[in-house]
Protein backbone atom coordinates (compact mmCIF):
# COMPACT_ATOMS: atom_id res chain seq x y z
CA MET A 1 41.40 24.31 -21.00
CA ILE A 2 38.72 26.92 -21.14
CA ARG A 3 37.59 26.78 -24.41
CA LEU A 4 36.74 22.77 -23.78
CA PHE A 5 34.98 23.65 -20.86
CA LEU A 6 32.55 26.30 -22.64
CA LYS A 7 32.63 23.91 -25.45
CA ASP A 8 31.18 20.84 -23.24
CA LEU A 9 28.83 23.30 -21.50
CA LYS A 10 27.09 24.69 -24.41
CA VAL A 11 26.64 20.98 -25.67
CA PHE A 12 25.27 20.11 -22.65
CA LEU A 13 23.11 22.89 -22.78
CA LYS A 14 21.83 21.89 -26.54
CA ASP A 15 20.96 18.57 -25.12
CA ARG A 16 17.52 18.77 -23.70
CA ARG A 17 17.34 14.81 -22.55
CA ALA A 18 20.49 15.74 -20.55
CA ILE A 19 19.13 18.19 -18.77
CA LEU A 20 15.95 16.83 -17.98
CA LEU A 21 17.34 13.67 -16.74
CA THR A 22 20.20 15.87 -14.46
CA PHE A 23 17.84 18.36 -13.05
CA LEU A 24 13.63 17.16 -13.33
CA LEU A 25 14.33 13.75 -12.34
CA PRO A 26 16.29 13.76 -9.37
CA ILE A 27 13.59 16.74 -8.37
CA ALA A 28 10.87 15.22 -9.29
CA LEU A 29 12.02 12.00 -7.18
CA ILE A 30 13.26 14.04 -4.31
CA THR A 31 9.56 15.59 -4.07
CA LEU A 32 8.07 11.71 -3.93
CA PHE A 33 10.62 10.21 -1.76
CA ALA A 34 9.58 13.47 0.61
CA LEU A 35 6.24 13.18 0.00
CA ALA A 36 5.89 9.54 0.61
CA TYR A 37 8.35 10.01 3.92
CA GLY A 38 5.88 12.38 5.70
CA GLY A 39 8.19 15.11 4.89
CA MET A 40 7.29 19.18 3.75
CA GLY A 41 8.14 20.06 7.50
CA LYS A 42 5.39 17.57 9.29
CA SER A 43 6.86 15.12 11.63
CA SER A 44 6.03 11.27 11.34
CA SER A 45 4.30 11.93 14.71
CA SER A 46 1.57 14.02 12.76
CA ARG A 47 0.53 11.35 10.67
CA SER A 48 -3.30 10.45 11.48
CA ILE A 49 -3.45 6.70 11.65
CA SER A 50 -7.00 4.52 10.44
CA LEU A 51 -8.27 2.38 13.02
CA LEU A 52 -12.03 0.43 13.01
CA LEU A 53 -13.64 -0.33 15.98
CA SER A 54 -16.51 -3.28 16.96
CA ASP A 55 -18.22 -2.71 20.46
CA LEU A 56 -20.30 -5.54 21.13
CA ASP A 57 -20.58 -4.75 24.87
CA SER A 58 -22.62 -1.67 24.19
CA SER A 59 -22.09 -0.79 27.44
CA ASP A 60 -21.16 2.91 29.54
CA ALA A 61 -17.96 1.61 29.76
CA SER A 62 -17.05 0.68 26.42
CA ARG A 63 -18.43 3.89 25.12
CA ALA A 64 -16.27 5.78 27.07
CA VAL A 65 -13.31 4.00 25.66
CA ILE A 66 -14.66 5.25 21.89
CA ARG A 67 -14.82 8.49 23.28
CA ASP A 68 -11.46 8.84 24.44
CA LEU A 69 -9.90 6.89 20.95
CA ASP A 70 -11.91 9.47 18.88
CA SER A 71 -10.84 12.56 20.21
CA VAL A 72 -7.13 11.36 19.51
CA ASP A 73 -6.39 13.95 16.71
CA ALA A 74 -3.98 11.18 15.40
CA LEU A 75 -6.51 8.66 15.20
CA ASN A 76 -9.20 8.21 12.44
CA LEU A 77 -12.14 5.93 14.05
CA ARG A 78 -14.59 4.41 12.34
CA LEU A 79 -17.06 2.57 14.28
CA CYS A 80 -18.90 -0.80 12.07
CA ASP A 81 -19.76 -4.48 13.15
CA SER A 82 -17.06 -7.28 13.50
CA ALA A 83 -17.60 -8.82 10.27
CA GLU A 84 -17.29 -6.08 8.11
CA GLY A 85 -14.23 -4.96 9.66
CA LEU A 86 -12.49 -8.27 9.72
CA ASN A 87 -13.57 -8.06 5.81
CA LEU A 88 -11.78 -4.54 5.28
CA VAL A 89 -8.86 -5.84 7.26
CA LYS A 90 -8.22 -8.69 4.98
CA HIS A 91 -8.37 -6.91 1.55
CA GLY A 92 -6.18 -4.28 3.64
CA ASP A 93 -8.25 -0.95 3.45
CA TYR A 94 -7.66 -0.68 7.08
CA PRO A 95 -4.61 -1.84 9.45
CA ALA A 96 -6.33 -3.32 12.69
CA LEU A 97 -9.70 -4.05 13.92
CA LEU A 98 -10.60 -3.62 17.69
CA ILE A 99 -13.22 -5.38 19.26
CA LEU A 100 -14.52 -4.97 22.49
CA HIS A 101 -16.25 -8.11 23.19
CA ALA A 102 -19.42 -8.53 25.63
CA GLY A 103 -18.62 -8.25 29.25
CA PHE A 104 -15.95 -5.58 29.05
CA GLU A 105 -17.26 -3.39 31.64
CA ASP A 106 -18.04 -5.97 34.13
CA SER A 107 -14.58 -7.30 33.32
CA LEU A 108 -12.93 -3.45 33.71
CA LEU A 109 -14.81 -3.10 37.41
CA GLU A 110 -13.48 -6.64 38.47
CA GLY A 111 -10.34 -6.23 37.43
CA LYS A 112 -10.42 -8.91 34.85
CA ALA A 113 -8.35 -9.58 31.64
CA LEU A 114 -10.33 -7.55 29.42
CA PRO A 115 -12.29 -9.34 26.80
CA ALA A 116 -10.74 -6.84 24.08
CA GLU A 117 -9.16 -8.15 20.86
CA LEU A 118 -6.96 -6.08 18.00
CA LEU A 119 -7.42 -8.31 14.65
CA TYR A 120 -4.50 -6.62 12.30
CA ASP A 121 -2.72 -6.65 9.06
CA GLU A 122 0.65 -8.05 9.66
CA LEU A 123 1.76 -6.12 6.31
CA ARG A 124 1.10 -3.12 8.34
CA GLU A 125 2.66 -3.64 11.50
CA MET A 126 4.65 -0.26 11.81
CA GLU A 127 0.75 1.23 11.80
CA VAL A 128 -0.04 -1.75 14.53
CA GLY A 129 2.73 -1.24 16.53
CA LEU A 130 1.63 3.00 16.97
CA LEU A 131 -2.04 2.05 17.63
CA GLN A 132 -1.48 -0.67 20.37
CA PRO A 133 -0.01 1.82 23.08
CA LEU A 134 -2.49 4.30 22.19
CA ILE A 135 -5.23 1.78 22.59
CA ILE A 136 -4.00 0.26 25.75
CA SER A 137 -3.62 3.69 27.37
CA LYS A 138 -7.43 3.66 26.53
CA LEU A 139 -8.80 0.51 27.95
CA PHE A 140 -9.01 1.08 30.99
CA SER A 141 -10.19 4.91 31.12
CA SER A 142 -11.10 7.40 33.52
CA PHE A 143 -14.66 6.04 33.41
CA GLY A 144 -13.85 2.44 34.61
CA LYS A 145 -11.73 4.81 37.29
CA ASP A 146 -14.97 6.99 38.48
CA MET A 147 -17.41 4.18 38.89
CA ILE A 148 -14.90 1.83 40.81
CA SER A 149 -14.37 5.37 43.34
CA GLU A 150 -18.26 5.69 43.43
CA ARG A 151 -18.86 1.95 44.02
CA ILE A 152 -15.83 1.87 47.09
CA GLU A 153 -17.42 5.13 48.38
CA ASP A 154 -21.25 4.09 48.68
CA TYR A 155 -20.03 0.48 50.53
CA LEU A 156 -17.93 2.95 52.95
CA LYS A 157 -20.94 5.11 52.95
CA LYS A 158 -23.38 2.48 53.95
CA LYS A 159 -20.92 0.39 56.02
CA PHE A 160 -19.13 2.80 58.08
CA PRO A 161 -21.01 5.96 57.85
CA ASN A 162 -18.78 7.69 60.64
CA LEU A 163 -15.44 6.82 59.05
CA ASP A 164 -12.92 9.77 59.34
CA PRO A 165 -12.74 11.56 55.81
CA ALA A 166 -9.43 11.34 55.65
CA MET A 167 -9.66 7.55 56.48
CA ARG A 168 -12.16 7.33 53.80
CA GLU A 169 -9.74 9.14 51.04
CA LYS A 170 -7.16 6.85 52.35
CA ILE A 171 -9.16 3.54 52.14
CA LEU A 172 -10.59 4.64 48.04
CA LYS A 173 -6.86 5.84 47.12
CA ASP A 174 -5.06 2.05 48.50
CA ALA A 175 -8.51 0.20 46.85
CA LEU A 176 -8.04 1.74 43.34
CA SER A 177 -4.39 1.47 43.54
CA ASP A 178 -4.67 -2.19 44.26
CA ASN A 179 -7.55 -2.50 41.36
CA GLU A 180 -5.58 -0.80 38.98
CA MET A 181 -2.25 -3.21 39.79
CA ALA A 182 -4.55 -6.32 40.08
CA ALA A 183 -6.41 -5.28 36.83
CA SER A 184 -2.79 -5.02 35.39
CA GLU A 185 -1.62 -8.49 36.47
CA SER A 186 -4.90 -10.51 35.35
CA GLY A 187 -3.86 -8.89 32.24
CA THR A 188 -6.26 -5.89 31.46
CA SER A 189 -3.36 -4.14 29.67
CA ALA A 190 -2.32 -7.18 27.59
CA LEU A 191 -4.46 -6.36 24.59
CA LYS A 192 -5.00 -9.68 22.67
CA LEU A 193 -3.67 -9.41 19.12
CA SER A 194 -4.36 -11.57 16.26
CA PRO A 195 -3.25 -11.29 12.80
CA VAL A 196 -6.24 -11.44 10.33
CA GLN A 197 -4.40 -14.28 8.54
CA GLY A 198 -3.92 -16.45 11.12
CA GLU A 199 -1.46 -19.35 11.07
CA ARG A 200 -0.96 -21.02 7.23
CA GLU A 201 1.63 -23.25 5.81
CA ASP A 202 3.92 -22.38 3.29
CA GLU A 203 3.38 -18.51 4.35
CA ASN A 204 4.69 -16.12 1.79
CA SER A 205 6.52 -13.37 3.65
CA PRO A 206 5.01 -9.96 3.00
CA GLY A 207 8.50 -8.46 2.52
CA LEU A 208 9.08 -11.10 -0.26
CA VAL A 209 5.98 -9.98 -2.11
CA GLN A 210 6.89 -6.76 -2.09
CA ALA A 211 10.54 -7.18 -3.27
CA VAL A 212 9.25 -9.85 -6.12
CA ALA A 213 6.12 -7.69 -7.06
CA GLY A 214 7.75 -4.07 -6.93
CA THR A 215 11.06 -5.31 -8.59
CA ALA A 216 9.24 -7.41 -11.28
CA ILE A 217 7.23 -4.71 -12.47
CA MET A 218 8.92 -1.81 -12.34
CA MET A 219 12.12 -3.62 -14.09
CA LEU A 220 9.53 -4.90 -16.63
CA LEU A 221 8.17 -1.62 -17.69
CA PHE A 222 12.00 -0.32 -18.23
CA SER A 223 12.49 -3.69 -20.95
CA VAL A 224 9.05 -2.87 -22.61
CA ALA A 225 10.08 0.79 -22.86
CA GLY A 226 13.26 -0.30 -24.75
CA LEU A 227 11.44 -2.70 -27.01
CA GLY A 228 8.67 0.21 -27.64
CA SER A 229 12.02 2.58 -28.30
CA SER A 230 13.11 0.07 -30.81
CA LEU A 231 9.80 1.05 -33.38
CA LEU A 232 11.59 5.10 -33.20
CA GLU A 233 15.05 2.96 -33.94
CA GLU A 234 13.47 1.00 -36.91
CA LYS A 235 11.95 4.63 -38.31
CA GLU A 236 15.12 6.47 -37.99
CA SER A 237 16.96 3.81 -40.14
CA GLY A 238 14.30 3.06 -42.49
CA THR A 239 12.95 -0.12 -41.82
CA ILE A 240 9.29 1.21 -41.33
CA ALA A 241 9.51 2.73 -44.96
CA ARG A 242 10.41 -0.61 -46.61
CA LEU A 243 8.14 -2.69 -44.44
CA LEU A 244 5.03 -0.19 -45.49
CA LEU A 245 6.24 -1.10 -49.05
CA ALA A 246 5.62 -4.80 -48.59
CA PRO A 247 1.79 -5.69 -48.22
CA LEU A 248 1.75 -4.60 -44.27
CA SER A 249 -0.62 -1.69 -43.25
CA GLY A 250 1.11 0.58 -40.31
CA SER A 251 -1.51 -1.13 -37.46
CA SER A 252 0.12 -4.49 -38.81
CA ILE A 253 3.42 -3.13 -37.81
CA LEU A 254 2.61 -1.73 -34.68
CA TYR A 255 0.12 -4.82 -33.59
CA GLY A 256 2.99 -7.06 -34.30
CA LYS A 257 5.71 -5.07 -32.44
CA MET A 258 3.13 -4.85 -29.23
CA LEU A 259 2.18 -8.73 -29.79
CA SER A 260 6.40 -9.38 -29.53
CA ALA A 261 6.32 -6.71 -26.25
CA TYR A 262 3.32 -8.70 -24.67
CA PHE A 263 4.98 -12.55 -24.95
CA ILE A 264 8.26 -11.05 -23.81
CA SER A 265 6.56 -9.30 -20.85
CA ILE A 266 4.92 -12.47 -20.18
CA ILE A 267 8.14 -14.75 -20.08
CA GLN A 268 9.57 -12.17 -17.88
CA LEU A 269 7.56 -12.25 -15.21
CA LEU A 270 6.95 -15.69 -15.59
CA ALA A 271 10.71 -16.61 -15.50
CA MET A 272 11.30 -14.00 -12.43
CA PHE A 273 8.24 -15.27 -10.03
CA LEU A 274 9.69 -19.21 -10.83
CA PHE A 275 13.34 -17.43 -9.91
CA SER A 276 11.86 -16.45 -6.43
CA ASN A 277 9.88 -19.72 -6.16
CA LEU A 278 13.08 -22.13 -6.57
CA VAL A 279 15.87 -19.72 -4.62
CA PHE A 280 13.19 -17.45 -2.33
CA GLY A 281 10.65 -20.19 -1.66
CA LEU A 282 7.92 -18.32 -2.84
CA ASN A 283 4.67 -20.25 -2.86
CA LEU A 284 3.09 -20.13 -6.61
CA SER A 285 0.30 -22.21 -5.82
CA THR A 286 -2.15 -20.35 -3.71
CA ASN A 287 -4.55 -19.28 -6.44
CA ILE A 288 -3.36 -20.42 -9.86
CA PRO A 289 -5.87 -19.28 -11.97
CA ALA A 290 -5.60 -15.63 -10.56
CA LEU A 291 -1.82 -15.78 -11.06
CA ILE A 292 -2.07 -16.53 -14.39
CA LEU A 293 -4.62 -14.27 -15.13
CA MET A 294 -3.16 -11.67 -12.76
CA ILE A 295 0.11 -12.25 -15.09
CA ALA A 296 -1.39 -12.08 -18.26
CA ALA A 297 -3.31 -8.71 -17.58
CA THR A 298 0.08 -6.76 -16.06
CA ALA A 299 2.07 -8.22 -18.90
CA PHE A 300 -0.99 -6.30 -21.44
CA ALA A 301 -0.98 -3.32 -19.17
CA VAL A 302 2.81 -3.40 -18.85
CA SER A 303 3.57 -3.47 -22.54
CA SER A 304 0.75 -1.36 -23.40
CA PHE A 305 2.27 1.38 -22.29
CA GLY A 306 5.44 0.65 -23.21
CA ILE A 307 4.45 1.17 -26.98
CA PHE A 308 2.72 3.98 -25.48
CA LEU A 309 5.59 5.67 -24.40
CA ALA A 310 7.24 5.68 -27.82
CA ALA A 311 4.52 6.74 -30.05
CA ILE A 312 4.09 9.83 -27.68
CA SER A 313 7.42 10.51 -28.85
CA LYS A 314 9.06 11.62 -31.98
CA THR A 315 13.14 10.39 -31.79
CA ARG A 316 14.67 7.50 -29.75
CA GLN A 317 16.90 10.22 -27.36
CA GLN A 318 13.01 11.63 -26.58
CA ALA A 319 11.60 7.68 -25.74
CA GLN A 320 14.63 7.09 -23.46
CA GLY A 321 14.03 10.33 -21.68
CA LEU A 322 10.94 10.57 -21.15
CA SER A 323 10.52 6.59 -20.62
CA THR A 324 13.12 7.26 -17.81
CA LEU A 325 11.26 10.20 -16.00
CA ILE A 326 7.86 8.57 -16.35
CA ILE A 327 8.69 4.79 -15.27
CA LEU A 328 10.71 5.75 -12.16
CA ILE A 329 8.08 8.13 -10.93
CA MET A 330 5.19 5.60 -11.54
CA SER A 331 7.25 3.17 -9.71
CA ALA A 332 8.20 5.48 -6.85
CA ILE A 333 4.39 6.20 -6.13
CA GLY A 334 3.21 3.01 -7.38
CA GLY A 335 4.94 1.00 -4.29
CA SER A 336 7.46 -0.30 -6.31
CA MET A 337 10.47 1.67 -4.76
CA ILE A 338 8.74 2.35 -0.81
CA PRO A 339 5.38 0.22 0.34
CA LEU A 340 2.54 1.47 0.14
CA PHE A 341 1.40 1.23 3.28
CA ILE A 342 4.27 3.38 4.87
CA MET A 343 3.20 6.69 2.55
CA PRO A 344 0.67 9.15 3.75
CA PRO A 345 -3.06 8.85 2.65
CA ILE A 346 -2.60 11.28 -0.24
CA MET A 347 0.42 9.60 -1.51
CA GLN A 348 -1.40 6.34 -1.41
CA LYS A 349 -4.43 7.79 -3.81
CA VAL A 350 -2.09 9.13 -6.05
CA ALA A 351 -0.91 5.62 -6.59
CA TYR A 352 -4.16 4.61 -7.90
CA PHE A 353 -2.91 6.09 -11.15
CA SER A 354 0.48 4.13 -11.87
CA VAL A 355 0.29 0.11 -13.54
CA ASN A 356 2.52 -0.94 -10.34
CA TYR A 357 0.01 -0.21 -7.67
CA TRP A 358 -2.69 -2.27 -9.63
CA SER A 359 -0.26 -5.14 -10.15
CA ILE A 360 1.54 -5.13 -6.80
CA GLN A 361 -1.80 -5.04 -4.71
CA GLY A 362 -3.12 -8.04 -7.19
CA PHE A 363 -0.36 -10.10 -6.28
CA TYR A 364 -0.04 -9.23 -2.65
CA ASP A 365 -3.87 -10.17 -2.89
CA ILE A 366 -3.07 -13.91 -4.23
CA PHE A 367 0.43 -14.27 -2.47
CA TRP A 368 -0.24 -12.92 1.32
CA ARG A 369 -3.90 -12.01 1.59
CA ASN A 370 -5.39 -15.15 -0.14
CA LEU A 371 -8.60 -13.53 -1.02
CA PRO A 372 -10.86 -15.21 -3.36
CA PHE A 373 -10.97 -15.18 -7.00
CA THR A 374 -14.18 -12.83 -7.25
CA ASP A 375 -12.20 -10.00 -4.84
CA ILE A 376 -9.03 -10.30 -7.18
CA LEU A 377 -10.73 -9.84 -10.57
CA PRO A 378 -11.35 -5.96 -10.42
CA ARG A 379 -7.50 -5.64 -10.49
CA ILE A 380 -7.30 -7.53 -13.10
CA VAL A 381 -10.32 -5.44 -14.95
CA VAL A 382 -8.51 -2.73 -14.31
CA LEU A 383 -4.94 -3.50 -15.64
CA THR A 384 -6.75 -4.70 -18.58
CA GLY A 385 -8.78 -1.84 -18.67
CA ILE A 386 -5.32 0.03 -18.99
CA GLY A 387 -4.20 -2.10 -21.49
CA LEU A 388 -7.05 -1.50 -23.64
CA LEU A 389 -6.47 2.22 -23.29
CA MET A 390 -3.13 2.62 -24.37
CA THR A 391 -3.70 0.45 -27.23
CA LEU A 392 -5.85 3.02 -28.50
CA LEU A 393 -3.94 5.74 -27.71
CA SER A 394 -0.80 3.68 -29.00
CA ILE A 395 -2.68 3.40 -32.62
CA ARG A 396 -3.66 6.99 -32.65
CA LEU A 397 -0.12 8.45 -32.06
CA PHE A 398 1.34 5.56 -33.57
CA ARG A 399 -0.24 6.84 -37.35
CA LYS A 400 0.15 10.64 -36.44
CA ASN A 401 3.96 11.10 -34.93
CA ILE A 402 6.02 7.78 -36.99
CA LEU A 403 3.95 6.71 -40.36
CA LYS A 404 3.00 10.63 -40.97
CA LEU A 405 7.08 11.53 -40.87
CA ILE A 406 8.35 8.76 -42.81
């Protein structure tokens, strides 16, 4: 029994791929998930939240509210005009826009419903839920109370100059209490919430978009990585050597493999979207031209990446271990496993280095945000650029790591 144990242990230690998957992969994923969920010894309450604010009242009261909000450490406040802010929220760059409409100060002093509106992205309701009580607590600021107090005190001094100070203090206190109660009953504390997407027919659920796009890209990466690894299998079996005896160049062999991977990627994406349409009601007709180009660009980037993973490996075992590690890490940071909006800002920036990010966000722009084609085009261009870069690198590495070793 001991000899069998030692034999198996020796075999395991000689298998670098097994060691990699056993130790490095779990450590890498634990680190990524800990960072994504705000770990590393920090509580979720320490995370900062971004907020856009448009001041259309430009009064002392509105400026006091801005100062109060800006003093909150956990809040990143940015002032902008309402049109710019609405555009940023629609594109998913910020979770919400707070608009202090004209008449804010007058409504505050009169105890009426405040003309304050929070336009938000429903996709980021978690952040909006944290913002709402914070904003409401600052709307009826100390400025409003001080001004009301001054006005009541001036009135009492003019009308009742000989009033007992203790009585004046009691009247002032009761008046402020009544004003706050009237303000609350009239809706001062009820901040108007308005989703930027508005009410739409055939609206795709953001959860459905995340499930479909995130899973589709991750599984597609695994599929094309398997297709890419078949290159190394053909090299080991001698198939490529026999093909080179025919009137075929090494580049033609690679291009043929890339073309098959690209075609299969398109078919796989179409199948997953059609399944989601038939079973879960995903509306595919929101922007058909953008959807077609996004599928084509995604398939190109993913298939090129799968061939690249095979090109950097010298054996099929290396390709399998390396592809598993890279694809899981890319999927974790790119939004396939964890929605990006719940990740801390630093992780959202790191996501730019993954194929998953550009593709998933592109499908969000199509299915959820309903952005025009011109706003979706930059993501298509980035995916196409990734595909071209991976193709050029794959050609060079294919000649170096595969053809020269035959």
